[in-house]
Amino acid sequence: MNLGEKVRTIRKSHELNQKEFALKIGVSQGTLSDIERGVCLPSCETIIALKNTFQCDLNWLLSDDESFSQTPTYISSEELKLLTSIRALPAQEKNELYEIIEIKMRKNKYPKTD
């Protein structure tokens, strides 16, 4: 997956059209289209905006190493909402929530996360 395809993946995972996504990272829709099609590379400022706005892993974004594409390396909007909510909880409530998640994972036979 090339850099443009990775940018498109991030945009689509957040269910944004090109105009909305371009606005969030500070480029024009035309520039975003060129980036996604591989016609041009994003500037350093655009890469930083991607990292900060969408919490994407720079190693994944900038690497040609296919092993980075085997695991999720960006956070979807739903995951970001969950993470933001969890971070606001006191430690005891975080632990309780983690216990609930572990119970659900065992009940539904999902693989254990460490």
Protein backbone atom coordinates (compact mmCIF):
# COMPACT_ATOMS: atom_id res chain seq x y z
CA MET A 1 0.00 0.00 0.00
CA ASN A 2 1.52 3.31 -1.03
CA LEU A 3 1.27 6.60 0.88
CA GLY A 4 -1.71 7.86 -1.15
CA GLU A 5 -3.61 4.63 -0.52
CA LYS A 6 -2.87 4.92 3.20
CA VAL A 7 -4.21 8.49 3.25
CA ARG A 8 -7.36 7.28 1.47
CA THR A 9 -7.69 4.44 4.02
CA ILE A 10 -7.55 6.92 6.90
CA ARG A 11 -10.12 9.18 5.23
CA LYS A 12 -12.54 6.36 4.49
CA SER A 13 -12.19 4.88 7.99
CA HIS A 14 -13.45 8.21 9.32
CA GLU A 15 -16.26 8.23 6.78
CA LEU A 16 -15.25 11.62 5.39
CA ASN A 17 -15.47 12.80 1.81
CA GLN A 18 -12.42 14.42 0.23
CA LYS A 19 -13.64 17.96 0.90
CA GLU A 20 -14.24 17.30 4.62
CA PHE A 21 -10.96 15.43 5.07
CA ALA A 22 -8.95 18.03 3.16
CA LEU A 23 -10.34 20.78 5.40
CA LYS A 24 -9.30 18.88 8.53
CA ILE A 25 -5.69 18.47 7.36
CA GLY A 26 -5.36 21.92 5.83
CA VAL A 27 -5.09 21.16 2.12
CA SER A 28 -7.35 21.73 -0.85
CA GLN A 29 -9.58 18.97 -2.16
CA GLY A 30 -7.54 18.93 -5.36
CA THR A 31 -4.30 18.45 -3.44
CA LEU A 32 -5.85 15.63 -1.42
CA SER A 33 -7.02 13.98 -4.63
CA ASP A 34 -3.48 14.24 -6.03
CA ILE A 35 -2.03 12.73 -2.83
CA GLU A 36 -4.50 9.85 -2.84
CA ARG A 37 -3.78 9.12 -6.52
CA GLY A 38 -0.02 9.24 -5.96
CA VAL A 39 0.45 12.28 -8.22
CA CYS A 40 2.18 14.19 -5.43
CA LEU A 41 3.44 13.59 -1.91
CA PRO A 42 2.04 15.41 1.13
CA SER A 43 4.13 18.13 2.73
CA CYS A 44 5.64 17.65 6.17
CA GLU A 45 2.91 19.93 7.56
CA THR A 46 0.23 17.71 6.01
CA ILE A 47 1.82 14.56 7.43
CA ILE A 48 1.92 16.16 10.88
CA ALA A 49 -1.74 17.19 10.50
CA LEU A 50 -2.62 13.57 9.62
CA LYS A 51 -0.77 12.32 12.68
CA ASN A 52 -2.28 14.86 15.06
CA THR A 53 -5.82 14.92 13.71
CA PHE A 54 -6.30 11.21 13.06
CA GLN A 55 -3.74 9.64 15.44
CA CYS A 56 -2.16 7.65 12.63
CA ASP A 57 1.13 5.86 13.19
CA LEU A 58 3.90 7.66 11.32
CA ASN A 59 5.88 4.43 10.98
CA TRP A 60 2.95 2.87 9.12
CA LEU A 61 2.19 5.98 7.12
CA LEU A 62 5.73 6.54 5.87
CA SER A 63 7.01 2.98 5.66
CA ASP A 64 7.14 0.75 2.61
CA ASP A 65 7.42 -2.20 4.99
CA GLU A 66 4.35 -4.35 4.36
CA SER A 67 4.42 -5.69 7.94
CA PHE A 68 3.08 -2.34 9.14
CA SER A 69 -0.03 -2.81 7.03
CA GLN A 70 -0.89 -6.10 8.70
CA THR A 71 -2.14 -4.43 11.88
CA PRO A 72 -4.40 -1.44 12.44
CA THR A 73 -2.24 1.65 12.64
CA TYR A 74 -4.81 4.36 12.70
CA ILE A 75 -7.74 5.02 15.01
CA SER A 76 -11.25 5.14 13.61
CA SER A 77 -13.63 7.85 14.79
CA GLU A 78 -15.48 5.29 16.96
CA GLU A 79 -12.23 4.12 18.55
CA LEU A 80 -11.19 7.70 19.18
CA LYS A 81 -14.49 8.42 20.96
CA LEU A 82 -14.01 5.34 23.14
CA LEU A 83 -10.41 6.19 23.91
CA THR A 84 -11.26 9.78 24.80
CA SER A 85 -14.07 8.63 27.10
CA ILE A 86 -11.89 6.01 28.78
CA ARG A 87 -9.09 8.48 29.41
CA ALA A 88 -11.54 10.72 31.30
CA LEU A 89 -12.46 7.94 33.76
CA PRO A 90 -10.86 7.56 37.19
CA ALA A 91 -8.45 4.59 37.50
CA GLN A 92 -10.92 2.39 39.41
CA GLU A 93 -13.60 2.83 36.74
CA LYS A 94 -11.05 2.08 34.01
CA ASN A 95 -10.23 -1.19 35.78
CA GLU A 96 -13.94 -2.05 36.08
CA LEU A 97 -14.47 -1.33 32.40
CA TYR A 98 -11.49 -3.51 31.49
CA GLU A 99 -12.96 -6.38 33.55
CA ILE A 100 -16.29 -6.03 31.72
CA ILE A 101 -14.48 -6.12 28.38
CA GLU A 102 -12.57 -9.25 29.41
CA ILE A 103 -15.84 -10.98 30.36
CA LYS A 104 -17.40 -10.07 27.00
CA MET A 105 -14.29 -11.25 25.16
CA ARG A 106 -14.38 -14.64 26.93
CA LYS A 107 -18.14 -14.98 26.46
CA ASN A 108 -17.88 -14.34 22.72
CA LYS A 109 -14.61 -16.31 22.40
CA TYR A 110 -12.63 -13.42 20.95
CA PRO A 111 -8.85 -13.73 21.08
CA LYS A 112 -7.30 -12.41 24.28
CA THR A 113 -5.63 -8.99 23.99
CA ASP A 114 -2.55 -8.20 26.05
